[in-house]
C-alpha atoms as a PDB file:
ATOM      1  CA  UNK A   1       0.088   0.286   0.073  1.00  0.00           C
ATOM      2  CA  UNK A   2       1.413   3.642  -1.096  1.00  0.00           C
ATOM      3  CA  UNK A   3       1.362   6.044   1.779  1.00  0.00           C
ATOM      4  CA  UNK A   4      -0.108   9.217   0.864  1.00  0.00           C
ATOM      5  CA  UNK A   5       0.261  12.374   2.877  1.00  0.00           C
ATOM      6  CA  UNK A   6      -0.790  15.933   2.418  1.00  0.00           C
ATOM      7  CA  UNK A   7       0.219  18.237   5.181  1.00  0.00           C
ATOM      8  CA  UNK A   8       0.051  21.553   3.073  1.00  0.00           C
ATOM      9  CA  UNK A   9      -3.276  22.868   1.876  1.00  0.00           C
ATOM     10  CA  UNK A  10      -5.227  26.088   1.313  1.00  0.00           C
ATOM     11  CA  UNK A  11      -9.065  26.623   1.339  1.00  0.00           C
ATOM     12  CA  UNK A  12     -11.266  29.621   0.822  1.00  0.00           C
ATOM     13  CA  UNK A  13     -10.271  30.582   4.483  1.00  0.00           C
ATOM     14  CA  UNK A  14      -6.984  32.005   2.388  1.00  0.00           C
ATOM     15  CA  UNK A  15      -7.189  34.917   0.261  1.00  0.00           C
ATOM     16  CA  UNK A  16      -5.899  32.994  -2.623  1.00  0.00           C
ATOM     17  CA  UNK A  17      -7.808  29.677  -2.029  1.00  0.00           C
ATOM     18  CA  UNK A  18     -10.635  28.552  -4.423  1.00  0.00           C
ATOM     19  CA  UNK A  19     -12.582  25.618  -2.588  1.00  0.00           C
ATOM     20  CA  UNK A  20     -14.234  24.956   1.188  1.00  0.00           C
ATOM     21  CA  UNK A  21     -12.325  23.284   3.664  1.00  0.00           C
ATOM     22  CA  UNK A  22     -14.586  20.334   3.651  1.00  0.00           C
ATOM     23  CA  UNK A  23     -14.331  19.623  -0.073  1.00  0.00           C
ATOM     24  CA  UNK A  24     -10.234  19.734  -0.004  1.00  0.00           C
ATOM     25  CA  UNK A  25     -10.824  17.100   2.783  1.00  0.00           C
ATOM     26  CA  UNK A  26     -13.153  15.221   0.686  1.00  0.00           C
ATOM     27  CA  UNK A  27     -10.870  14.902  -1.993  1.00  0.00           C
ATOM     28  CA  UNK A  28      -8.083  14.122   0.090  1.00  0.00           C
ATOM     29  CA  UNK A  29     -10.129  11.298   1.381  1.00  0.00           C
ATOM     30  CA  UNK A  30     -11.325   9.878  -2.165  1.00  0.00           C
ATOM     31  CA  UNK A  31      -7.717  10.009  -3.025  1.00  0.00           C
ATOM     32  CA  UNK A  32      -6.524   7.519  -0.314  1.00  0.00           C
ATOM     33  CA  UNK A  33      -4.438   9.944   1.732  1.00  0.00           C
ATOM     34  CA  UNK A  34      -3.797   8.761   5.329  1.00  0.00           C
ATOM     35  CA  UNK A  35      -2.225  12.109   7.068  1.00  0.00           C
ATOM     36  CA  UNK A  36      -3.933  15.413   6.028  1.00  0.00           C
ATOM     37  CA  UNK A  37      -3.688  18.928   7.207  1.00  0.00           C
ATOM     38  CA  UNK A  38      -5.396  22.361   5.959  1.00  0.00           C
ATOM     39  CA  UNK A  39      -2.992  25.099   6.412  1.00  0.00           C
ATOM     40  CA  UNK A  40      -4.602  28.311   5.699  1.00  0.00           C
ATOM     41  CA  UNK A  41      -2.500  31.388   5.252  1.00  0.00           C
ATOM     42  CA  UNK A  42      -1.791  33.653   8.138  1.00  0.00           C
ATOM     43  CA  UNK A  43       0.455  36.226   6.479  1.00  0.00           C
ATOM     44  CA  UNK A  44       1.865  38.407   9.441  1.00  0.00           C
ATOM     45  CA  UNK A  45       3.005  41.628   7.252  1.00  0.00           C
ATOM     46  CA  UNK A  46      -0.568  41.853   5.621  1.00  0.00           C
ATOM     47  CA  UNK A  47      -2.835  40.800   9.013  1.00  0.00           C
ATOM     48  CA  UNK A  48      -4.881  43.783   8.892  1.00  0.00           C
ATOM     49  CA  UNK A  49      -5.271  43.935   5.058  1.00  0.00           C
ATOM     50  CA  UNK A  50      -7.267  40.763   4.934  1.00  0.00           C
ATOM     51  CA  UNK A  51      -9.688  39.181   7.848  1.00  0.00           C
ATOM     52  CA  UNK A  52      -6.932  36.747   8.985  1.00  0.00           C
ATOM     53  CA  UNK A  53      -8.140  37.179  12.332  1.00  0.00           C
ATOM     54  CA  UNK A  54     -11.591  36.047  11.292  1.00  0.00           C
ATOM     55  CA  UNK A  55     -10.270  33.375   9.077  1.00  0.00           C
ATOM     56  CA  UNK A  56      -8.162  31.765  11.960  1.00  0.00           C
ATOM     57  CA  UNK A  57     -11.503  31.552  14.137  1.00  0.00           C
ATOM     58  CA  UNK A  58     -13.163  29.893  11.387  1.00  0.00           C
ATOM     59  CA  UNK A  59     -10.372  27.441  10.587  1.00  0.00           C
ATOM     60  CA  UNK A  60     -10.879  25.962  13.920  1.00  0.00           C
ATOM     61  CA  UNK A  61     -14.616  25.045  13.378  1.00  0.00           C
ATOM     62  CA  UNK A  62     -13.544  23.768   9.561  1.00  0.00           C
ATOM     63  CA  UNK A  63     -10.894  21.275  11.546  1.00  0.00           C
ATOM     64  CA  UNK A  64     -13.649  20.058  13.808  1.00  0.00           C
ATOM     65  CA  UNK A  65     -15.990  19.694  11.090  1.00  0.00           C
ATOM     66  CA  UNK A  66     -13.439  17.909   8.860  1.00  0.00           C
ATOM     67  CA  UNK A  67     -12.333  15.629  11.622  1.00  0.00           C
ATOM     68  CA  UNK A  68     -15.920  14.653  12.491  1.00  0.00           C
ATOM     69  CA  UNK A  69     -16.639  13.728   8.906  1.00  0.00           C
ATOM     70  CA  UNK A  70     -13.167  12.079   7.871  1.00  0.00           C
ATOM     71  CA  UNK A  71     -11.208  11.278  11.047  1.00  0.00           C
ATOM     72  CA  UNK A  72     -11.903   7.587  10.876  1.00  0.00           C
ATOM     73  CA  UNK A  73     -10.680   7.604   7.468  1.00  0.00           C
ATOM     74  CA  UNK A  74      -7.631   9.856   7.680  1.00  0.00           C
ATOM     75  CA  UNK A  75      -5.415  11.389  10.496  1.00  0.00           C
ATOM     76  CA  UNK A  76      -6.422  15.164  10.759  1.00  0.00           C
ATOM     77  CA  UNK A  77      -4.160  17.557  11.893  1.00  0.00           C
ATOM     78  CA  UNK A  78      -5.331  21.458  12.830  1.00  0.00           C
ATOM     79  CA  UNK A  79      -2.752  23.366  10.994  1.00  0.00           C
ATOM     80  CA  UNK A  80      -1.816  26.728   9.594  1.00  0.00           C
ATOM     81  CA  UNK A  81       1.010  28.659   7.522  1.00  0.00           C
ATOM     82  CA  UNK A  82       2.618  31.357   9.229  1.00  0.00           C
ATOM     83  CA  UNK A  83       3.876  33.924   6.568  1.00  0.00           C
ATOM     84  CA  UNK A  84       6.687  36.693   7.388  1.00  0.00           C
ATOM     85  CA  UNK A  85       6.563  36.150  11.036  1.00  0.00           C
ATOM     86  CA  UNK A  86       9.859  38.031  11.446  1.00  0.00           C
ATOM     87  CA  UNK A  87       8.065  41.268  10.460  1.00  0.00           C
ATOM     88  CA  UNK A  88       6.009  41.161  13.595  1.00  0.00           C
ATOM     89  CA  UNK A  89       7.030  38.411  16.138  1.00  0.00           C
ATOM     90  CA  UNK A  90       4.945  39.907  18.672  1.00  0.00           C
ATOM     91  CA  UNK A  91       1.681  39.337  16.508  1.00  0.00           C
ATOM     92  CA  UNK A  92       3.000  36.084  15.682  1.00  0.00           C
ATOM     93  CA  UNK A  93       3.703  34.884  19.135  1.00  0.00           C
ATOM     94  CA  UNK A  94       0.257  35.967  20.037  1.00  0.00           C
ATOM     95  CA  UNK A  95      -1.111  34.163  17.304  1.00  0.00           C
ATOM     96  CA  UNK A  96       0.497  31.098  18.289  1.00  0.00           C
ATOM     97  CA  UNK A  97      -0.477  31.237  22.199  1.00  0.00           C
ATOM     98  CA  UNK A  98      -4.221  31.948  21.429  1.00  0.00           C
ATOM     99  CA  UNK A  99      -4.708  28.776  19.099  1.00  0.00           C
ATOM    100  CA  UNK A 100      -3.815  25.348  19.635  1.00  0.00           C
ATOM    101  CA  UNK A 101      -2.551  24.146  16.270  1.00  0.00           C
ATOM    102  CA  UNK A 102      -1.277  20.857  15.779  1.00  0.00           C
ATOM    103  CA  UNK A 103       1.165  21.850  13.077  1.00  0.00           C
ATOM    104  CA  UNK A 104       2.767  25.277  11.797  1.00  0.00           C
ATOM    105  CA  UNK A 105       4.374  25.811   8.796  1.00  0.00           C
ATOM    106  CA  UNK A 106       6.882  28.606   8.750  1.00  0.00           C
ATOM    107  CA  UNK A 107       7.447  30.526   5.439  1.00  0.00           C
ATOM    108  CA  UNK A 108       8.949  33.444   4.032  1.00  0.00           C
ATOM    109  CA  UNK A 109       6.630  34.618   0.942  1.00  0.00           C
ATOM    110  CA  UNK A 110       8.222  37.736   0.372  1.00  0.00           C
ATOM    111  CA  UNK A 111      11.196  39.927   1.504  1.00  0.00           C
ATOM    112  CA  UNK A 112      11.424  43.208   2.717  1.00  0.00           C
ATOM    113  CA  UNK A 113      12.915  44.503  -0.681  1.00  0.00           C
ATOM    114  CA  UNK A 114      11.187  41.976  -3.212  1.00  0.00           C
ATOM    115  CA  UNK A 115       8.259  40.556  -4.351  1.00  0.00           C
ATOM    116  CA  UNK A 116       9.056  37.644  -6.253  1.00  0.00           C
ATOM    117  CA  UNK A 117       6.861  37.666  -9.402  1.00  0.00           C
ATOM    118  CA  UNK A 118       8.660  39.409 -12.367  1.00  0.00           C
ATOM    119  CA  UNK A 119      11.965  39.726 -10.721  1.00  0.00           C
ATOM    120  CA  UNK A 120      14.713  40.086 -13.360  1.00  0.00           C
ATOM    121  CA  UNK A 121      17.691  37.822 -13.583  1.00  0.00           C
ATOM    122  CA  UNK A 122      19.970  40.631 -12.371  1.00  0.00           C
ATOM    123  CA  UNK A 123      17.765  41.226  -9.401  1.00  0.00           C
ATOM    124  CA  UNK A 124      17.179  37.557  -8.568  1.00  0.00           C
ATOM    125  CA  UNK A 125      20.857  37.610  -7.277  1.00  0.00           C
ATOM    126  CA  UNK A 126      19.963  40.180  -4.438  1.00  0.00           C
ATOM    127  CA  UNK A 127      16.587  38.798  -3.920  1.00  0.00           C
ATOM    128  CA  UNK A 128      18.263  35.326  -3.237  1.00  0.00           C
ATOM    129  CA  UNK A 129      20.569  36.569  -1.058  1.00  0.00           C
ATOM    130  CA  UNK A 130      18.423  38.591   1.298  1.00  0.00           C
ATOM    131  CA  UNK A 131      15.687  35.674   0.829  1.00  0.00           C
ATOM    132  CA  UNK A 132      18.056  33.089   2.509  1.00  0.00           C
ATOM    133  CA  UNK A 133      19.238  35.386   5.057  1.00  0.00           C
ATOM    134  CA  UNK A 134      15.713  36.205   6.228  1.00  0.00           C
ATOM    135  CA  UNK A 135      14.978  32.500   6.053  1.00  0.00           C
ATOM    136  CA  UNK A 136      18.135  31.725   8.456  1.00  0.00           C
ATOM    137  CA  UNK A 137      16.865  34.470  10.737  1.00  0.00           C
ATOM    138  CA  UNK A 138      13.401  32.975  10.691  1.00  0.00           C
ATOM    139  CA  UNK A 139      14.847  29.452  11.657  1.00  0.00           C
ATOM    140  CA  UNK A 140      16.405  31.088  14.646  1.00  0.00           C
ATOM    141  CA  UNK A 141      13.189  32.641  15.791  1.00  0.00           C
ATOM    142  CA  UNK A 142      12.164  28.978  15.358  1.00  0.00           C
ATOM    143  CA  UNK A 143       8.359  28.986  16.714  1.00  0.00           C
ATOM    144  CA  UNK A 144       6.987  26.696  13.892  1.00  0.00           C
ATOM    145  CA  UNK A 145       7.007  22.934  13.363  1.00  0.00           C
ATOM    146  CA  UNK A 146       8.488  22.730   9.584  1.00  0.00           C
ATOM    147  CA  UNK A 147      10.299  25.146   7.604  1.00  0.00           C
ATOM    148  CA  UNK A 148       8.187  25.602   4.283  1.00  0.00           C
ATOM    149  CA  UNK A 149       9.278  25.351   0.514  1.00  0.00           C
ATOM    150  CA  UNK A 150      13.016  26.305   1.144  1.00  0.00           C
ATOM    151  CA  UNK A 151      13.570  27.678  -2.492  1.00  0.00           C
ATOM    152  CA  UNK A 152      10.363  29.232  -2.894  1.00  0.00           C
ATOM    153  CA  UNK A 153      11.479  32.036  -5.085  1.00  0.00           C
ATOM    154  CA  UNK A 154      12.469  29.855  -7.770  1.00  0.00           C
ATOM    155  CA  UNK A 155       9.199  29.148  -8.399  1.00  0.00           C
ATOM    156  CA  UNK A 156       8.917  32.539  -9.608  1.00  0.00           C
ATOM    157  CA  UNK A 157      12.465  33.520 -11.117  1.00  0.00           C
ATOM    158  CA  UNK A 158      12.596  32.773 -14.442  1.00  0.00           C
ATOM    159  CA  UNK A 159       9.491  31.084 -15.054  1.00  0.00           C
ATOM    160  CA  UNK A 160       7.088  31.923 -17.889  1.00  0.00           C
ATOM    161  CA  UNK A 161       3.797  32.734 -16.269  1.00  0.00           C
ATOM    162  CA  UNK A 162       2.122  33.700 -19.411  1.00  0.00           C
ATOM    163  CA  UNK A 163       2.026  30.233 -20.583  1.00  0.00           C
ATOM    164  CA  UNK A 164      -1.093  27.988 -19.421  1.00  0.00           C
ATOM    165  CA  UNK A 165       1.654  25.277 -18.543  1.00  0.00           C
ATOM    166  CA  UNK A 166       4.568  27.537 -16.722  1.00  0.00           C
ATOM    167  CA  UNK A 167       8.086  26.436 -18.101  1.00  0.00           C
ATOM    168  CA  UNK A 168      11.560  27.874 -17.091  1.00  0.00           C
ATOM    169  CA  UNK A 169      13.137  30.776 -19.402  1.00  0.00           C
ATOM    170  CA  UNK A 170      16.492  30.152 -17.443  1.00  0.00           C
ATOM    171  CA  UNK A 171      18.082  28.378 -14.600  1.00  0.00           C
ATOM    172  CA  UNK A 172      19.137  29.911 -11.436  1.00  0.00           C
ATOM    173  CA  UNK A 173      22.399  28.693  -9.902  1.00  0.00           C
ATOM    174  CA  UNK A 174      21.891  28.602  -5.942  1.00  0.00           C
ATOM    175  CA  UNK A 175      25.348  27.007  -5.043  1.00  0.00           C
ATOM    176  CA  UNK A 176      26.602  30.618  -4.495  1.00  0.00           C
ATOM    177  CA  UNK A 177      24.162  30.404  -1.376  1.00  0.00           C
ATOM    178  CA  UNK A 178      25.444  27.138  -0.026  1.00  0.00           C
ATOM    179  CA  UNK A 179      27.053  28.350   2.944  1.00  0.00           C
ATOM    180  CA  UNK A 180      23.823  29.956   4.278  1.00  0.00           C
ATOM    181  CA  UNK A 181      21.567  27.203   3.233  1.00  0.00           C
ATOM    182  CA  UNK A 182      23.909  24.735   5.201  1.00  0.00           C
ATOM    183  CA  UNK A 183      23.399  27.071   8.233  1.00  0.00           C
ATOM    184  CA  UNK A 184      19.468  27.127   7.570  1.00  0.00           C
ATOM    185  CA  UNK A 185      19.654  23.275   7.864  1.00  0.00           C
ATOM    186  CA  UNK A 186      21.759  23.217  10.774  1.00  0.00           C
ATOM    187  CA  UNK A 187      19.814  25.644  12.643  1.00  0.00           C
ATOM    188  CA  UNK A 188      16.291  23.595  12.165  1.00  0.00           C
ATOM    189  CA  UNK A 189      18.177  20.349  12.967  1.00  0.00           C
ATOM    190  CA  UNK A 190      19.324  21.967  16.239  1.00  0.00           C
ATOM    191  CA  UNK A 191      15.981  23.381  17.035  1.00  0.00           C
ATOM    192  CA  UNK A 192      13.951  20.000  15.946  1.00  0.00           C
ATOM    193  CA  UNK A 193      12.241  21.852  13.290  1.00  0.00           C
ATOM    194  CA  UNK A 194      10.977  19.691  10.111  1.00  0.00           C
ATOM    195  CA  UNK A 195      12.319  20.449   6.558  1.00  0.00           C
ATOM    196  CA  UNK A 196       8.837  20.595   4.165  1.00  0.00           C
ATOM    197  CA  UNK A 197       9.428  18.899   0.873  1.00  0.00           C
ATOM    198  CA  UNK A 198       6.754  20.831  -1.030  1.00  0.00           C
ATOM    199  CA  UNK A 199       5.339  19.278  -4.291  1.00  0.00           C
ATOM    200  CA  UNK A 200       4.198  22.410  -6.040  1.00  0.00           C
ATOM    201  CA  UNK A 201       7.483  23.222  -7.645  1.00  0.00           C
ATOM    202  CA  UNK A 202       6.749  20.157  -9.857  1.00  0.00           C
ATOM    203  CA  UNK A 203       3.868  21.408 -11.428  1.00  0.00           C
ATOM    204  CA  UNK A 204       4.497  25.422 -11.115  1.00  0.00           C
ATOM    205  CA  UNK A 205       7.356  25.350 -13.957  1.00  0.00           C
ATOM    206  CA  UNK A 206      10.475  24.013 -11.845  1.00  0.00           C
ATOM    207  CA  UNK A 207      10.192  20.513 -12.773  1.00  0.00           C
ATOM    208  CA  UNK A 208      11.456  19.738  -9.097  1.00  0.00           C
ATOM    209  CA  UNK A 209      10.208  19.753  -5.507  1.00  0.00           C
ATOM    210  CA  UNK A 210      10.848  22.792  -3.073  1.00  0.00           C
ATOM    211  CA  UNK A 211      13.748  22.006  -1.908  1.00  0.00           C
ATOM    212  CA  UNK A 212      15.200  19.490  -4.651  1.00  0.00           C
ATOM    213  CA  UNK A 213      16.827  16.243  -3.864  1.00  0.00           C
ATOM    214  CA  UNK A 214      20.021  17.689  -3.485  1.00  0.00           C
ATOM    215  CA  UNK A 215      19.154  20.004  -0.787  1.00  0.00           C
ATOM    216  CA  UNK A 216      17.293  17.067   0.857  1.00  0.00           C
ATOM    217  CA  UNK A 217      20.419  14.883   0.760  1.00  0.00           C
ATOM    218  CA  UNK A 218      22.437  17.658   2.317  1.00  0.00           C
ATOM    219  CA  UNK A 219      20.082  18.081   5.002  1.00  0.00           C
ATOM    220  CA  UNK A 220      20.529  14.288   5.539  1.00  0.00           C
ATOM    221  CA  UNK A 221      23.940  14.612   5.591  1.00  0.00           C
ATOM    222  CA  UNK A 222      24.146  17.185   8.205  1.00  0.00           C
ATOM    223  CA  UNK A 223      22.047  14.816  10.643  1.00  0.00           C
ATOM    224  CA  UNK A 224      18.586  16.007   9.429  1.00  0.00           C
ATOM    225  CA  UNK A 225      15.847  13.330  10.291  1.00  0.00           C
ATOM    226  CA  UNK A 226      12.233  15.308  10.190  1.00  0.00           C
ATOM    227  CA  UNK A 227      10.525  15.665   7.009  1.00  0.00           C
ATOM    228  CA  UNK A 228       7.013  16.768   5.934  1.00  0.00           C
ATOM    229  CA  UNK A 229       5.448  16.806   2.623  1.00  0.00           C
ATOM    230  CA  UNK A 230       2.710  18.748   1.257  1.00  0.00           C
ATOM    231  CA  UNK A 231       1.004  19.542  -2.090  1.00  0.00           C
ATOM    232  CA  UNK A 232       0.515  23.446  -1.213  1.00  0.00           C
ATOM    233  CA  UNK A 233      -2.665  23.027  -3.009  1.00  0.00           C
ATOM    234  CA  UNK A 234      -5.183  26.112  -3.306  1.00  0.00           C
ATOM    235  CA  UNK A 235      -7.846  23.989  -5.196  1.00  0.00           C
ATOM    236  CA  UNK A 236      -9.293  20.785  -5.013  1.00  0.00           C
ATOM    237  CA  UNK A 237      -7.749  19.334  -7.776  1.00  0.00           C
ATOM    238  CA  UNK A 238      -4.232  19.825  -6.693  1.00  0.00           C
ATOM    239  CA  UNK A 239      -4.803  18.045  -3.454  1.00  0.00           C
ATOM    240  CA  UNK A 240      -2.007  15.455  -2.999  1.00  0.00           C
ATOM    241  CA  UNK A 241      -0.568  16.364  -6.541  1.00  0.00           C
ATOM    242  CA  UNK A 242       2.800  14.937  -6.990  1.00  0.00           C
ATOM    243  CA  UNK A 243       3.154  13.839  -3.514  1.00  0.00           C
ATOM    244  CA  UNK A 244       4.108   9.895  -4.625  1.00  0.00           C
ATOM    245  CA  UNK A 245       7.128  11.726  -6.836  1.00  0.00           C
ATOM    246  CA  UNK A 246       8.322  13.386  -3.776  1.00  0.00           C
ATOM    247  CA  UNK A 247       8.086  10.284  -1.597  1.00  0.00           C
ATOM    248  CA  UNK A 248       9.954   8.573  -3.824  1.00  0.00           C
ATOM    249  CA  UNK A 249      12.825  10.866  -4.148  1.00  0.00           C
ATOM    250  CA  UNK A 250      12.935  10.928  -0.251  1.00  0.00           C
ATOM    251  CA  UNK A 251      13.370   7.162  -0.215  1.00  0.00           C
ATOM    252  CA  UNK A 252      16.004   7.556  -3.057  1.00  0.00           C
ATOM    253  CA  UNK A 253      17.564   9.983  -0.904  1.00  0.00           C
ATOM    254  CA  UNK A 254      17.885   7.643   2.305  1.00  0.00           C
ATOM    255  CA  UNK A 255      14.621   8.389   4.166  1.00  0.00           C
ATOM    256  CA  UNK A 256      12.484   5.832   5.281  1.00  0.00           C
ATOM    257  CA  UNK A 257       9.891   7.970   7.011  1.00  0.00           C
ATOM    258  CA  UNK A 258       8.346  11.227   7.275  1.00  0.00           C
ATOM    259  CA  UNK A 259       6.639  13.272   9.898  1.00  0.00           C
ATOM    260  CA  UNK A 260       3.554  15.180  10.917  1.00  0.00           C
ATOM    261  CA  UNK A 261       3.077  16.957  13.938  1.00  0.00           C
ATOM    262  CA  UNK A 262       0.289  16.504  16.627  1.00  0.00           C
ATOM    263  CA  UNK A 263       0.104  19.297  19.628  1.00  0.00           C
ATOM    264  CA  UNK A 264       3.432  20.240  18.035  1.00  0.00           C
ATOM    265  CA  UNK A 265       5.199  16.888  18.387  1.00  0.00           C
ATOM    266  CA  UNK A 266       6.649  14.990  15.554  1.00  0.00           C
ATOM    267  CA  UNK A 267       4.568  11.648  14.596  1.00  0.00           C
ATOM    268  CA  UNK A 268       6.677   9.381  12.543  1.00  0.00           C
ATOM    269  CA  UNK A 269       5.016   7.724   9.410  1.00  0.00           C
ATOM    270  CA  UNK A 270       6.848   5.079   7.774  1.00  0.00           C
ATOM    271  CA  UNK A 271       6.876   5.174   3.600  1.00  0.00           C
END
């Protein structure tokens, strides 16, 4: 039996989500997903621009409904994706204190100087330097369970977004950032924070997960043991998309298990 796990999904409780929470879970259950979490966005730097406070309250009710309907078929986790926590750690700490999330993803969806879409090749060098430095600071803050889509800007740099099926226009060499990436990996290992393997890069123009196999193997070589996997679905049709390919890559990289989080404590799952 193939293990199918998806711990990164967004519903209409995210500003860019398309479908109701229950429909996301229904799709996961129909596909045979065994471990599932909705992780709707909480973007700290935009908290007052959209009703994130209201959405967080609704997410608890959505979790309970999903658990009631599908809890006998899947392990359901109460999740959230916390974006840009660095920009207001006081607010981020308050949200975490007021909500009993099982699982929190830590993300950096922009940097202080850059948004990612439309960045030129020349600008990308500066963007990536700033991005990895901010992710290192985020990891040092460390109040989350899994570091999400480590190479996230690559989904936007050099990708032809005019195409129905996004394709890369040019490759980006991130080897110049190897030292800071190693520091990020070493920091999450020391803080017992998992590394997420995010499948959305496969279908969003990169052709590989975020991060890819090279970084996953480096994480393992440095002593990393905790991996979470997620599709980053924002619509029903993308739930669990390309997760089997990610799990195969993890097995090829020497991992025999991934993890979920219950009450922010790791639960290991054989793959």
